[in-house]
C-alpha atoms as a PDB file:
ATOM      1  CA  PRO A   1     -29.562  37.708  14.446  1.00  0.00           C
ATOM      2  CA  ILE A   2     -32.520  36.810  12.325  1.00  0.00           C
ATOM      3  CA  PRO A   3     -34.269  33.458  12.908  1.00  0.00           C
ATOM      4  CA  ILE A   4     -34.501  31.356   9.731  1.00  0.00           C
ATOM      5  CA  VAL A   5     -36.234  28.224   8.708  1.00  0.00           C
ATOM      6  CA  GLY A   6     -33.940  25.865   6.857  1.00  0.00           C
ATOM      7  CA  HIS A   7     -35.281  23.335   4.389  1.00  0.00           C
ATOM      8  CA  GLY A   8     -33.823  19.941   3.540  1.00  0.00           C
ATOM      9  CA  GLN A   9     -30.482  19.996   1.792  1.00  0.00           C
ATOM     10  CA  GLU A  10     -29.803  23.666   2.573  1.00  0.00           C
ATOM     11  CA  GLU A  11     -26.684  24.923   4.279  1.00  0.00           C
ATOM     12  CA  VAL A  12     -25.923  27.986   6.385  1.00  0.00           C
ATOM     13  CA  ILE A  13     -22.578  29.719   5.843  1.00  0.00           C
ATOM     14  CA  ARG A  14     -21.216  31.911   8.516  1.00  0.00           C
ATOM     15  CA  MET A  15     -21.052  35.673   7.644  1.00  0.00           C
ATOM     16  CA  PRO A  16     -17.254  36.085   7.368  1.00  0.00           C
ATOM     17  CA  TYR A  17     -16.989  33.140   5.033  1.00  0.00           C
ATOM     18  CA  ALA A  18     -20.046  34.177   2.953  1.00  0.00           C
ATOM     19  CA  ALA A  19     -18.464  37.609   2.494  1.00  0.00           C
ATOM     20  CA  GLN A  20     -15.171  36.088   1.388  1.00  0.00           C
ATOM     21  CA  ASN A  21     -16.877  33.796  -1.135  1.00  0.00           C
ATOM     22  CA  ARG A  22     -19.741  36.062  -2.314  1.00  0.00           C
ATOM     23  CA  ASP A  23     -19.010  35.652  -6.034  1.00  0.00           C
ATOM     24  CA  LEU A  24     -18.747  31.877  -5.755  1.00  0.00           C
ATOM     25  CA  LEU A  25     -21.995  31.622  -3.773  1.00  0.00           C
ATOM     26  CA  GLN A  26     -23.884  33.775  -6.249  1.00  0.00           C
ATOM     27  CA  TYR A  27     -22.513  31.586  -9.076  1.00  0.00           C
ATOM     28  CA  ILE A  28     -23.699  28.456  -7.304  1.00  0.00           C
ATOM     29  CA  ASN A  29     -27.082  29.898  -6.518  1.00  0.00           C
ATOM     30  CA  ALA A  30     -27.473  30.767 -10.163  1.00  0.00           C
ATOM     31  CA  GLY A  31     -27.136  27.089 -11.019  1.00  0.00           C
ATOM     32  CA  GLY A  32     -23.367  26.924 -11.489  1.00  0.00           C
ATOM     33  CA  THR A  33     -21.452  23.930 -10.274  1.00  0.00           C
ATOM     34  CA  VAL A  34     -17.988  23.571  -8.752  1.00  0.00           C
ATOM     35  CA  GLY A  35     -15.898  20.411  -8.674  1.00  0.00           C
ATOM     36  CA  GLY A  36     -16.925  16.963  -9.660  1.00  0.00           C
ATOM     37  CA  SER A  37     -15.035  17.080 -12.990  1.00  0.00           C
ATOM     38  CA  SER A  38     -11.544  17.638 -14.173  1.00  0.00           C
ATOM     39  CA  THR A  39     -11.148  21.154 -15.432  1.00  0.00           C
ATOM     40  CA  VAL A  40      -8.049  22.792 -16.792  1.00  0.00           C
ATOM     41  CA  ILE A  41      -7.810  26.480 -16.078  1.00  0.00           C
ATOM     42  CA  HIS A  42      -5.166  28.606 -17.737  1.00  0.00           C
ATOM     43  CA  ASN A  43      -4.450  31.945 -16.161  1.00  0.00           C
ATOM     44  CA  HIS A  44      -2.694  34.570 -18.189  1.00  0.00           C
ATOM     45  CA  PHE A  45      -1.280  37.704 -16.625  1.00  0.00           C
ATOM     46  CA  ASN A  46       0.476  40.613 -18.178  1.00  0.00           C
ATOM     47  CA  ILE A  47       2.774  42.241 -15.688  1.00  0.00           C
ATOM     48  CA  THR A  48       5.072  45.084 -16.660  1.00  0.00           C
ATOM     49  CA  ALA A  49       8.158  45.239 -14.564  1.00  0.00           C
ATOM     50  CA  LEU A  50      11.488  46.823 -15.094  1.00  0.00           C
ATOM     51  CA  ASP A  51      13.387  43.734 -13.955  1.00  0.00           C
ATOM     52  CA  ALA A  52      13.067  40.510 -11.900  1.00  0.00           C
ATOM     53  CA  LYS A  53      13.796  42.328  -8.668  1.00  0.00           C
ATOM     54  CA  SER A  54      10.922  44.849  -9.292  1.00  0.00           C
ATOM     55  CA  PHE A  55       8.505  41.941  -9.891  1.00  0.00           C
ATOM     56  CA  ASP A  56       9.694  40.145  -6.813  1.00  0.00           C
ATOM     57  CA  GLU A  57       9.088  43.269  -4.729  1.00  0.00           C
ATOM     58  CA  TYR A  58       5.650  43.689  -6.321  1.00  0.00           C
ATOM     59  CA  VAL A  59       4.432  40.237  -5.365  1.00  0.00           C
ATOM     60  CA  LYS A  60       5.848  40.515  -1.843  1.00  0.00           C
ATOM     61  CA  ASN A  61       3.552  43.443  -1.134  1.00  0.00           C
ATOM     62  CA  PRO A  62       0.510  41.919   0.599  1.00  0.00           C
ATOM     63  CA  LYS A  63      -1.934  44.263  -1.260  1.00  0.00           C
ATOM     64  CA  ASN A  64      -0.518  43.189  -4.619  1.00  0.00           C
ATOM     65  CA  ALA A  65      -0.433  39.549  -3.737  1.00  0.00           C
ATOM     66  CA  ARG A  66      -4.078  39.750  -2.611  1.00  0.00           C
ATOM     67  CA  SER A  67      -5.016  41.395  -5.934  1.00  0.00           C
ATOM     68  CA  LEU A  68      -3.291  38.599  -7.865  1.00  0.00           C
ATOM     69  CA  ARG A  69      -5.039  35.894  -5.791  1.00  0.00           C
ATOM     70  CA  ASN A  70      -8.409  37.566  -6.324  1.00  0.00           C
ATOM     71  CA  ALA A  71      -7.812  37.771 -10.028  1.00  0.00           C
ATOM     72  CA  VAL A  72      -7.002  34.044 -10.154  1.00  0.00           C
ATOM     73  CA  ARG A  73     -10.132  33.186  -8.150  1.00  0.00           C
ATOM     74  CA  LEU A  74     -12.431  35.281 -10.363  1.00  0.00           C
ATOM     75  CA  ASP A  75     -10.850  33.803 -13.461  1.00  0.00           C
ATOM     76  CA  GLN A  76     -11.473  30.323 -12.063  1.00  0.00           C
ATOM     77  CA  LEU A  77     -15.105  31.223 -11.272  1.00  0.00           C
ATOM     78  CA  ARG A  78     -15.652  32.520 -14.774  1.00  0.00           C
ATOM     79  CA  TYR A  79     -14.475  29.417 -16.452  1.00  0.00           C
ATOM     80  CA  ALA A  80     -15.306  26.768 -13.774  1.00  0.00           C
ATOM     81  CA  GLY A  81     -16.481  23.616 -15.445  1.00  0.00           C
ATOM     82  CA  GLY A  82     -16.244  25.224 -18.845  1.00  0.00           C
ATOM     83  CA  ASN A  83     -19.624  26.843 -18.256  1.00  0.00           C
ATOM     84  CA  GLY A  84     -18.336  30.376 -18.617  1.00  0.00           C
ATOM     85  CA  LEU A  85     -19.600  32.824 -16.089  1.00  0.00           C
ATOM     86  CA  VAL A  86     -21.028  35.910 -17.724  1.00  0.00           C
END
């Protein structure tokens, strides 16, 4: 543990949650905003599958499902609030 001095209006985020949300936190610390407005986000994925059964098996694999969720989250961060994350 490292002692810290917090200033008014600052928050401390526990390590496991900070690690899970690193991209979002860096975006916010760079001046980005989240929420507070209605934003429409369209996610487009190109998935090549032989048939519906193959796709169903693909998304049931936890590793593949996690990859899809991460792709959606990153896409949402890039286009949150229409600001466009570079």
